[in-house]
PDB file of N, CA and C in Angstrom:
ATOM      1  N   UNK A   1     108.844 113.754 135.870  1.00  0.00           N
ATOM      2  CA  UNK A   1     108.557 114.766 136.881  1.00  0.00           C
ATOM      3  C   UNK A   1     109.688 114.785 137.910  1.00  0.00           C
ATOM      4  N   UNK A   2     110.084 115.958 138.289  1.00  0.00           N
ATOM      5  CA  UNK A   2     111.164 116.114 139.257  1.00  0.00           C
ATOM      6  C   UNK A   2     110.660 115.807 140.661  1.00  0.00           C
ATOM      7  N   UNK A   3     111.522 115.171 141.441  1.00  0.00           N
ATOM      8  CA  UNK A   3     111.166 114.786 142.806  1.00  0.00           C
ATOM      9  C   UNK A   3     111.302 115.943 143.786  1.00  0.00           C
ATOM     10  N   UNK A   4     110.546 115.840 144.861  1.00  0.00           N
ATOM     11  CA  UNK A   4     110.689 116.726 146.014  1.00  0.00           C
ATOM     12  C   UNK A   4     111.214 115.866 147.155  1.00  0.00           C
ATOM     13  N   UNK A   5     112.410 116.198 147.618  1.00  0.00           N
ATOM     14  CA  UNK A   5     113.018 115.502 148.743  1.00  0.00           C
ATOM     15  C   UNK A   5     112.940 116.443 149.935  1.00  0.00           C
ATOM     16  N   UNK A   6     112.447 115.954 151.049  1.00  0.00           N
ATOM     17  CA  UNK A   6     112.286 116.798 152.236  1.00  0.00           C
ATOM     18  C   UNK A   6     113.335 116.398 153.263  1.00  0.00           C
ATOM     19  N   UNK A   7     114.185 117.352 153.630  1.00  0.00           N
ATOM     20  CA  UNK A   7     115.241 117.088 154.610  1.00  0.00           C
ATOM     21  C   UNK A   7     114.623 116.802 155.981  1.00  0.00           C
ATOM     22  N   UNK A   8     115.370 116.145 156.863  1.00  0.00           N
ATOM     23  CA  UNK A   8     114.857 115.921 158.221  1.00  0.00           C
ATOM     24  C   UNK A   8     114.490 117.225 158.936  1.00  0.00           C
ATOM     25  N   UNK A   9     115.271 118.279 158.713  1.00  0.00           N
ATOM     26  CA  UNK A   9     114.969 119.570 159.341  1.00  0.00           C
ATOM     27  C   UNK A   9     113.643 120.133 158.830  1.00  0.00           C
ATOM     28  N   UNK A  10     113.435 120.048 157.514  1.00  0.00           N
ATOM     29  CA  UNK A  10     112.182 120.541 156.934  1.00  0.00           C
ATOM     30  C   UNK A  10     110.999 119.679 157.379  1.00  0.00           C
ATOM     31  N   UNK A  11     111.227 118.380 157.504  1.00  0.00           N
ATOM     32  CA  UNK A  11     110.177 117.481 157.999  1.00  0.00           C
ATOM     33  C   UNK A  11     109.758 117.895 159.410  1.00  0.00           C
ATOM     34  N   UNK A  12     110.737 118.220 160.232  1.00  0.00           N
ATOM     35  CA  UNK A  12     110.445 118.691 161.588  1.00  0.00           C
ATOM     36  C   UNK A  12     109.716 120.034 161.559  1.00  0.00           C
ATOM     37  N   UNK A  13     110.136 120.927 160.650  1.00  0.00           N
ATOM     38  CA  UNK A  13     109.444 122.214 160.508  1.00  0.00           C
ATOM     39  C   UNK A  13     107.969 121.988 160.196  1.00  0.00           C
ATOM     40  N   UNK A  14     107.688 121.093 159.250  1.00  0.00           N
ATOM     41  CA  UNK A  14     106.300 120.817 158.871  1.00  0.00           C
ATOM     42  C   UNK A  14     105.510 120.236 160.042  1.00  0.00           C
ATOM     43  N   UNK A  15     106.142 119.375 160.800  1.00  0.00           N
ATOM     44  CA  UNK A  15     105.484 118.809 161.980  1.00  0.00           C
ATOM     45  C   UNK A  15     105.110 119.915 162.964  1.00  0.00           C
ATOM     46  N   UNK A  16     106.055 120.822 163.235  1.00  0.00           N
ATOM     47  CA  UNK A  16     105.802 121.921 164.169  1.00  0.00           C
ATOM     48  C   UNK A  16     104.736 122.877 163.636  1.00  0.00           C
ATOM     49  N   UNK A  17     104.771 123.146 162.345  1.00  0.00           N
ATOM     50  CA  UNK A  17     103.749 123.997 161.723  1.00  0.00           C
ATOM     51  C   UNK A  17     102.376 123.348 161.895  1.00  0.00           C
ATOM     52  N   UNK A  18     102.310 122.048 161.671  1.00  0.00           N
ATOM     53  CA  UNK A  18     101.048 121.325 161.824  1.00  0.00           C
ATOM     54  C   UNK A  18     100.510 121.384 163.243  1.00  0.00           C
ATOM     55  N   UNK A  19     101.380 121.185 164.214  1.00  0.00           N
ATOM     56  CA  UNK A  19     100.966 121.236 165.624  1.00  0.00           C
ATOM     57  C   UNK A  19     100.443 122.625 165.970  1.00  0.00           C
ATOM     58  N   UNK A  20     101.195 123.655 165.593  1.00  0.00           N
ATOM     59  CA  UNK A  20     100.790 125.028 165.894  1.00  0.00           C
ATOM     60  C   UNK A  20      99.459 125.362 165.220  1.00  0.00           C
ATOM     61  N   UNK A  21      99.345 124.994 163.953  1.00  0.00           N
ATOM     62  CA  UNK A  21      98.126 125.302 163.205  1.00  0.00           C
ATOM     63  C   UNK A  21      96.914 124.605 163.813  1.00  0.00           C
ATOM     64  N   UNK A  22      97.060 123.326 164.142  1.00  0.00           N
ATOM     65  CA  UNK A  22      95.925 122.605 164.730  1.00  0.00           C
ATOM     66  C   UNK A  22      95.547 123.172 166.093  1.00  0.00           C
ATOM     67  N   UNK A  23      96.532 123.510 166.906  1.00  0.00           N
ATOM     68  CA  UNK A  23      96.250 124.070 168.236  1.00  0.00           C
ATOM     69  C   UNK A  23      95.531 125.413 168.163  1.00  0.00           C
ATOM     70  N   UNK A  24      95.802 126.184 167.113  1.00  0.00           N
ATOM     71  CA  UNK A  24      95.220 127.523 167.002  1.00  0.00           C
ATOM     72  C   UNK A  24      93.991 127.608 166.101  1.00  0.00           C
ATOM     73  N   UNK A  25      93.924 126.764 165.067  1.00  0.00           N
ATOM     74  CA  UNK A  25      92.837 126.887 164.094  1.00  0.00           C
ATOM     75  C   UNK A  25      92.131 125.577 163.778  1.00  0.00           C
ATOM     76  N   UNK A  26      92.544 124.488 164.406  1.00  0.00           N
ATOM     77  CA  UNK A  26      91.841 123.219 164.230  1.00  0.00           C
ATOM     78  C   UNK A  26      92.462 122.276 163.206  1.00  0.00           C
ATOM     79  N   UNK A  27      91.992 121.031 163.271  1.00  0.00           N
ATOM     80  CA  UNK A  27      92.533 119.962 162.423  1.00  0.00           C
ATOM     81  C   UNK A  27      92.297 120.215 160.937  1.00  0.00           C
ATOM     82  N   UNK A  28      91.112 120.697 160.599  1.00  0.00           N
ATOM     83  CA  UNK A  28      90.787 120.950 159.191  1.00  0.00           C
ATOM     84  C   UNK A  28      91.755 121.966 158.587  1.00  0.00           C
ATOM     85  N   UNK A  29      92.036 123.042 159.313  1.00  0.00           N
ATOM     86  CA  UNK A  29      92.964 124.059 158.811  1.00  0.00           C
ATOM     87  C   UNK A  29      94.386 123.510 158.743  1.00  0.00           C
ATOM     88  N   UNK A  30      94.756 122.663 159.701  1.00  0.00           N
ATOM     89  CA  UNK A  30      96.094 122.047 159.664  1.00  0.00           C
ATOM     90  C   UNK A  30      96.265 121.255 158.376  1.00  0.00           C
ATOM     91  N   UNK A  31      95.295 120.410 158.073  1.00  0.00           N
ATOM     92  CA  UNK A  31      95.368 119.601 156.857  1.00  0.00           C
ATOM     93  C   UNK A  31      95.426 120.476 155.612  1.00  0.00           C
ATOM     94  N   UNK A  32      94.607 121.504 155.590  1.00  0.00           N
ATOM     95  CA  UNK A  32      94.553 122.407 154.437  1.00  0.00           C
ATOM     96  C   UNK A  32      95.885 123.130 154.244  1.00  0.00           C
ATOM     97  N   UNK A  33      96.452 123.673 155.325  1.00  0.00           N
ATOM     98  CA  UNK A  33      97.678 124.464 155.207  1.00  0.00           C
ATOM     99  C   UNK A  33      98.876 123.583 154.853  1.00  0.00           C
ATOM    100  N   UNK A  34      98.983 122.417 155.480  1.00  0.00           N
ATOM    101  CA  UNK A  34     100.095 121.522 155.147  1.00  0.00           C
ATOM    102  C   UNK A  34      99.983 121.046 153.698  1.00  0.00           C
ATOM    103  N   UNK A  35      98.782 120.764 153.231  1.00  0.00           N
ATOM    104  CA  UNK A  35      98.582 120.370 151.833  1.00  0.00           C
ATOM    105  C   UNK A  35      98.983 121.504 150.894  1.00  0.00           C
ATOM    106  N   UNK A  36      98.671 122.730 151.279  1.00  0.00           N
ATOM    107  CA  UNK A  36      99.046 123.906 150.488  1.00  0.00           C
ATOM    108  C   UNK A  36     100.566 124.012 150.380  1.00  0.00           C
ATOM    109  N   UNK A  37     101.266 123.809 151.484  1.00  0.00           N
ATOM    110  CA  UNK A  37     102.726 123.880 151.473  1.00  0.00           C
ATOM    111  C   UNK A  37     103.326 122.778 150.597  1.00  0.00           C
ATOM    112  N   UNK A  38     102.830 121.567 150.741  1.00  0.00           N
ATOM    113  CA  UNK A  38     103.355 120.442 149.953  1.00  0.00           C
ATOM    114  C   UNK A  38     103.042 120.625 148.466  1.00  0.00           C
ATOM    115  N   UNK A  39     101.853 121.103 148.158  1.00  0.00           N
ATOM    116  CA  UNK A  39     101.499 121.377 146.760  1.00  0.00           C
ATOM    117  C   UNK A  39     102.446 122.410 146.162  1.00  0.00           C
ATOM    118  N   UNK A  40     102.772 123.434 146.927  1.00  0.00           N
ATOM    119  CA  UNK A  40     103.693 124.462 146.448  1.00  0.00           C
ATOM    120  C   UNK A  40     105.085 123.874 146.213  1.00  0.00           C
ATOM    121  N   UNK A  41     105.520 122.963 147.076  1.00  0.00           N
ATOM    122  CA  UNK A  41     106.828 122.324 146.891  1.00  0.00           C
ATOM    123  C   UNK A  41     106.897 121.606 145.548  1.00  0.00           C
ATOM    124  N   UNK A  42     105.833 120.899 145.181  1.00  0.00           N
ATOM    125  CA  UNK A  42     105.805 120.197 143.893  1.00  0.00           C
ATOM    126  C   UNK A  42     105.778 121.188 142.729  1.00  0.00           C
ATOM    127  N   UNK A  43     105.081 122.283 142.900  1.00  0.00           N
ATOM    128  CA  UNK A  43     105.095 123.337 141.885  1.00  0.00           C
ATOM    129  C   UNK A  43     106.514 123.869 141.704  1.00  0.00           C
ATOM    130  N   UNK A  44     107.211 124.101 142.812  1.00  0.00           N
ATOM    131  CA  UNK A  44     108.575 124.626 142.747  1.00  0.00           C
ATOM    132  C   UNK A  44     109.515 123.650 142.051  1.00  0.00           C
ATOM    133  N   UNK A  45     109.332 122.364 142.281  1.00  0.00           N
ATOM    134  CA  UNK A  45     110.169 121.361 141.610  1.00  0.00           C
ATOM    135  C   UNK A  45     109.980 121.424 140.096  1.00  0.00           C
ATOM    136  N   UNK A  46     108.756 121.660 139.664  1.00  0.00           N
ATOM    137  CA  UNK A  46     108.452 121.709 138.236  1.00  0.00           C
ATOM    138  C   UNK A  46     108.780 123.051 137.592  1.00  0.00           C
ATOM    139  N   UNK A  47     108.847 124.110 138.399  1.00  0.00           N
ATOM    140  CA  UNK A  47     109.032 125.466 137.864  1.00  0.00           C
ATOM    141  C   UNK A  47     110.162 126.211 138.569  1.00  0.00           C
ATOM    142  N   UNK A  48     111.257 125.540 138.820  1.00  0.00           N
ATOM    143  CA  UNK A  48     112.370 126.124 139.557  1.00  0.00           C
ATOM    144  C   UNK A  48     112.853 127.432 138.938  1.00  0.00           C
ATOM    145  N   UNK A  49     112.769 127.568 137.636  1.00  0.00           N
ATOM    146  CA  UNK A  49     113.268 128.759 136.949  1.00  0.00           C
ATOM    147  C   UNK A  49     112.534 130.037 137.370  1.00  0.00           C
ATOM    148  N   UNK A  50     111.371 129.913 137.967  1.00  0.00           N
ATOM    149  CA  UNK A  50     110.602 131.084 138.396  1.00  0.00           C
ATOM    150  C   UNK A  50     111.036 131.623 139.757  1.00  0.00           C
ATOM    151  N   UNK A  51     111.947 130.912 140.417  1.00  0.00           N
ATOM    152  CA  UNK A  51     112.301 131.220 141.801  1.00  0.00           C
ATOM    153  C   UNK A  51     113.700 131.818 141.871  1.00  0.00           C
ATOM    154  N   UNK A  52     113.854 132.818 142.719  1.00  0.00           N
ATOM    155  CA  UNK A  52     115.150 133.479 142.882  1.00  0.00           C
ATOM    156  C   UNK A  52     115.934 132.869 144.036  1.00  0.00           C
ATOM    157  N   UNK A  53     117.245 133.020 143.931  1.00  0.00           N
ATOM    158  CA  UNK A  53     118.128 132.576 145.009  1.00  0.00           C
ATOM    159  C   UNK A  53     118.293 133.696 146.020  1.00  0.00           C
ATOM    160  N   UNK A  54     118.636 133.318 147.240  1.00  0.00           N
ATOM    161  CA  UNK A  54     118.932 134.275 148.306  1.00  0.00           C
ATOM    162  C   UNK A  54     120.437 134.250 148.553  1.00  0.00           C
ATOM    163  N   UNK A  55     121.156 135.060 147.801  1.00  0.00           N
ATOM    164  CA  UNK A  55     122.614 135.097 147.913  1.00  0.00           C
ATOM    165  C   UNK A  55     123.077 135.688 149.239  1.00  0.00           C
ATOM    166  N   UNK A  56     122.176 136.323 149.967  1.00  0.00           N
ATOM    167  CA  UNK A  56     122.524 136.905 151.262  1.00  0.00           C
ATOM    168  C   UNK A  56     122.489 135.874 152.394  1.00  0.00           C
ATOM    169  N   UNK A  57     122.064 134.651 152.093  1.00  0.00           N
ATOM    170  CA  UNK A  57     121.951 133.602 153.112  1.00  0.00           C
ATOM    171  C   UNK A  57     122.989 132.506 152.877  1.00  0.00           C
ATOM    172  N   UNK A  58     123.344 131.768 153.928  1.00  0.00           N
ATOM    173  CA  UNK A  58     124.329 130.688 153.781  1.00  0.00           C
ATOM    174  C   UNK A  58     123.932 129.691 152.690  1.00  0.00           C
ATOM    175  N   UNK A  59     124.874 129.348 151.836  1.00  0.00           N
ATOM    176  CA  UNK A  59     124.694 128.396 150.730  1.00  0.00           C
ATOM    177  C   UNK A  59     123.719 128.872 149.651  1.00  0.00           C
ATOM    178  N   UNK A  60     123.317 130.120 149.682  1.00  0.00           N
ATOM    179  CA  UNK A  60     122.475 130.737 148.648  1.00  0.00           C
ATOM    180  C   UNK A  60     121.290 129.869 148.215  1.00  0.00           C
ATOM    181  N   UNK A  61     120.398 129.544 149.139  1.00  0.00           N
ATOM    182  CA  UNK A  61     119.263 128.683 148.771  1.00  0.00           C
ATOM    183  C   UNK A  61     118.239 129.425 147.910  1.00  0.00           C
ATOM    184  N   UNK A  62     117.415 128.658 147.226  1.00  0.00           N
ATOM    185  CA  UNK A  62     116.239 129.218 146.582  1.00  0.00           C
ATOM    186  C   UNK A  62     115.175 129.353 147.667  1.00  0.00           C
ATOM    187  N   UNK A  63     114.262 130.299 147.486  1.00  0.00           N
ATOM    188  CA  UNK A  63     113.189 130.413 148.472  1.00  0.00           C
ATOM    189  C   UNK A  63     111.917 130.923 147.823  1.00  0.00           C
ATOM    190  N   UNK A  64     110.803 130.569 148.452  1.00  0.00           N
ATOM    191  CA  UNK A  64     109.493 130.979 147.964  1.00  0.00           C
ATOM    192  C   UNK A  64     108.573 131.183 149.154  1.00  0.00           C
ATOM    193  N   UNK A  65     107.903 132.317 149.166  1.00  0.00           N
ATOM    194  CA  UNK A  65     106.975 132.675 150.246  1.00  0.00           C
ATOM    195  C   UNK A  65     105.625 132.015 149.962  1.00  0.00           C
ATOM    196  N   UNK A  66     105.153 131.233 150.917  1.00  0.00           N
ATOM    197  CA  UNK A  66     103.845 130.579 150.790  1.00  0.00           C
ATOM    198  C   UNK A  66     103.100 130.722 152.107  1.00  0.00           C
ATOM    199  N   UNK A  67     101.954 131.371 152.078  1.00  0.00           N
ATOM    200  CA  UNK A  67     101.210 131.615 153.311  1.00  0.00           C
ATOM    201  C   UNK A  67     102.045 132.465 154.247  1.00  0.00           C
ATOM    202  N   UNK A  68     102.214 132.000 155.469  1.00  0.00           N
ATOM    203  CA  UNK A  68     103.017 132.714 156.469  1.00  0.00           C
ATOM    204  C   UNK A  68     104.424 132.132 156.583  1.00  0.00           C
ATOM    205  N   UNK A  69     104.792 131.268 155.653  1.00  0.00           N
ATOM    206  CA  UNK A  69     106.081 130.590 155.723  1.00  0.00           C
ATOM    207  C   UNK A  69     106.895 130.790 154.448  1.00  0.00           C
ATOM    208  N   UNK A  70     108.185 130.537 154.576  1.00  0.00           N
ATOM    209  CA  UNK A  70     109.089 130.604 153.435  1.00  0.00           C
ATOM    210  C   UNK A  70     109.703 129.221 153.260  1.00  0.00           C
ATOM    211  N   UNK A  71     109.578 128.697 152.053  1.00  0.00           N
ATOM    212  CA  UNK A  71     110.130 127.389 151.714  1.00  0.00           C
ATOM    213  C   UNK A  71     111.524 127.613 151.139  1.00  0.00           C
ATOM    214  N   UNK A  72     112.523 127.020 151.759  1.00  0.00           N
ATOM    215  CA  UNK A  72     113.904 127.114 151.294  1.00  0.00           C
ATOM    216  C   UNK A  72     114.301 125.780 150.685  1.00  0.00           C
ATOM    217  N   UNK A  73     114.951 125.828 149.513  1.00  0.00           N
ATOM    218  CA  UNK A  73     115.346 124.581 148.863  1.00  0.00           C
ATOM    219  C   UNK A  73     116.594 124.772 148.015  1.00  0.00           C
ATOM    220  N   UNK A  74     117.156 123.630 147.598  1.00  0.00           N
ATOM    221  CA  UNK A  74     118.301 123.633 146.684  1.00  0.00           C
ATOM    222  C   UNK A  74     118.030 122.591 145.608  1.00  0.00           C
ATOM    223  N   UNK A  75     118.709 122.757 144.488  1.00  0.00           N
ATOM    224  CA  UNK A  75     118.580 121.782 143.409  1.00  0.00           C
ATOM    225  C   UNK A  75     119.437 120.561 143.707  1.00  0.00           C
ATOM    226  N   UNK A  76     118.914 119.404 143.398  1.00  0.00           N
ATOM    227  CA  UNK A  76     119.641 118.137 143.469  1.00  0.00           C
ATOM    228  C   UNK A  76     119.361 117.406 142.155  1.00  0.00           C
ATOM    229  N   UNK A  77     120.165 116.396 141.809  1.00  0.00           N
ATOM    230  CA  UNK A  77     119.963 115.725 140.514  1.00  0.00           C
ATOM    231  C   UNK A  77     118.540 115.210 140.280  1.00  0.00           C
ATOM    232  N   UNK A  78     117.863 114.754 141.330  1.00  0.00           N
ATOM    233  CA  UNK A  78     116.512 114.198 141.176  1.00  0.00           C
ATOM    234  C   UNK A  78     115.420 115.261 141.101  1.00  0.00           C
ATOM    235  N   UNK A  79     115.723 116.486 141.502  1.00  0.00           N
ATOM    236  CA  UNK A  79     114.717 117.547 141.544  1.00  0.00           C
ATOM    237  C   UNK A  79     115.137 118.637 142.502  1.00  0.00           C
ATOM    238  N   UNK A  80     114.392 118.780 143.612  1.00  0.00           N
ATOM    239  CA  UNK A  80     114.764 119.762 144.630  1.00  0.00           C
ATOM    240  C   UNK A  80     114.736 119.108 146.010  1.00  0.00           C
ATOM    241  N   UNK A  81     115.562 119.646 146.891  1.00  0.00           N
ATOM    242  CA  UNK A  81     115.544 119.224 148.288  1.00  0.00           C
ATOM    243  C   UNK A  81     115.068 120.396 149.123  1.00  0.00           C
ATOM    244  N   UNK A  82     113.995 120.192 149.861  1.00  0.00           N
ATOM    245  CA  UNK A  82     113.486 121.213 150.763  1.00  0.00           C
ATOM    246  C   UNK A  82     114.395 121.215 151.985  1.00  0.00           C
ATOM    247  N   UNK A  83     115.029 122.359 152.234  1.00  0.00           N
ATOM    248  CA  UNK A  83     115.979 122.479 153.335  1.00  0.00           C
ATOM    249  C   UNK A  83     115.252 122.827 154.629  1.00  0.00           C
ATOM    250  N   UNK A  84     114.424 123.851 154.569  1.00  0.00           N
ATOM    251  CA  UNK A  84     113.679 124.322 155.747  1.00  0.00           C
ATOM    252  C   UNK A  84     112.371 124.937 155.281  1.00  0.00           C
ATOM    253  N   UNK A  85     111.424 125.021 156.211  1.00  0.00           N
ATOM    254  CA  UNK A  85     110.170 125.754 156.019  1.00  0.00           C
ATOM    255  C   UNK A  85     110.036 126.617 157.264  1.00  0.00           C
ATOM    256  N   UNK A  86     110.337 127.913 157.117  1.00  0.00           N
ATOM    257  CA  UNK A  86     110.446 128.808 158.269  1.00  0.00           C
ATOM    258  C   UNK A  86     109.370 129.885 158.244  1.00  0.00           C
ATOM    259  N   UNK A  87     108.925 130.292 159.423  1.00  0.00           N
ATOM    260  CA  UNK A  87     107.941 131.370 159.525  1.00  0.00           C
ATOM    261  C   UNK A  87     108.559 132.658 158.994  1.00  0.00           C
ATOM    262  N   UNK A  88     107.741 133.466 158.354  1.00  0.00           N
ATOM    263  CA  UNK A  88     108.219 134.668 157.679  1.00  0.00           C
ATOM    264  C   UNK A  88     108.904 135.679 158.588  1.00  0.00           C
ATOM    265  N   UNK A  89     108.656 135.654 159.888  1.00  0.00           N
ATOM    266  CA  UNK A  89     109.274 136.646 160.774  1.00  0.00           C
ATOM    267  C   UNK A  89     110.582 136.155 161.397  1.00  0.00           C
ATOM    268  N   UNK A  90     110.964 134.922 161.116  1.00  0.00           N
ATOM    269  CA  UNK A  90     112.194 134.379 161.701  1.00  0.00           C
ATOM    270  C   UNK A  90     113.420 135.014 161.051  1.00  0.00           C
ATOM    271  N   UNK A  91     114.519 135.016 161.780  1.00  0.00           N
ATOM    272  CA  UNK A  91     115.805 135.423 161.224  1.00  0.00           C
ATOM    273  C   UNK A  91     116.358 134.208 160.483  1.00  0.00           C
ATOM    274  N   UNK A  92     116.193 134.203 159.174  1.00  0.00           N
ATOM    275  CA  UNK A  92     116.537 133.028 158.379  1.00  0.00           C
ATOM    276  C   UNK A  92     117.998 132.619 158.528  1.00  0.00           C
ATOM    277  N   UNK A  93     118.879 133.599 158.615  1.00  0.00           N
ATOM    278  CA  UNK A  93     120.309 133.282 158.690  1.00  0.00           C
ATOM    279  C   UNK A  93     120.655 132.468 159.937  1.00  0.00           C
ATOM    280  N   UNK A  94     119.836 132.531 160.967  1.00  0.00           N
ATOM    281  CA  UNK A  94     120.086 131.757 162.187  1.00  0.00           C
ATOM    282  C   UNK A  94     119.631 130.299 162.061  1.00  0.00           C
ATOM    283  N   UNK A  95     118.829 129.996 161.041  1.00  0.00           N
ATOM    284  CA  UNK A  95     118.230 128.666 160.928  1.00  0.00           C
ATOM    285  C   UNK A  95     118.644 127.901 159.677  1.00  0.00           C
ATOM    286  N   UNK A  96     119.475 128.518 158.856  1.00  0.00           N
ATOM    287  CA  UNK A  96     119.919 127.836 157.630  1.00  0.00           C
ATOM    288  C   UNK A  96     121.373 127.433 157.731  1.00  0.00           C
TER     289      UNK A  96
END
C-alpha cells in the first residue's frame, strides 16, 4: 500500500480546519470531517491515476475536491505527499 505523507503546511491546514469546524459545528463534526479528509487522502494514494494535475498552478500539483476543501499533493517514491489542504474559495496560487 502506498503511503500518505503529510507536509508540515498541510498538517497546519488540517489543524486550522479542525479548529474552525469545531468552533462552528462541534467536536463530533470536527472528528467526522477530518476523518473524511484523511480517508480521501488514502484513497488518492491508492488511485492516483484518477486524479488530474493542475498545470496552471506552481509545480503542477495533483488536486482533489473533498467537502469544502481541495487536497493538493504530489507523487513521491513512497506514495503521495499532501502539500496543502485549502478551502475551495481560496486563491490557490497564493498558497502553493
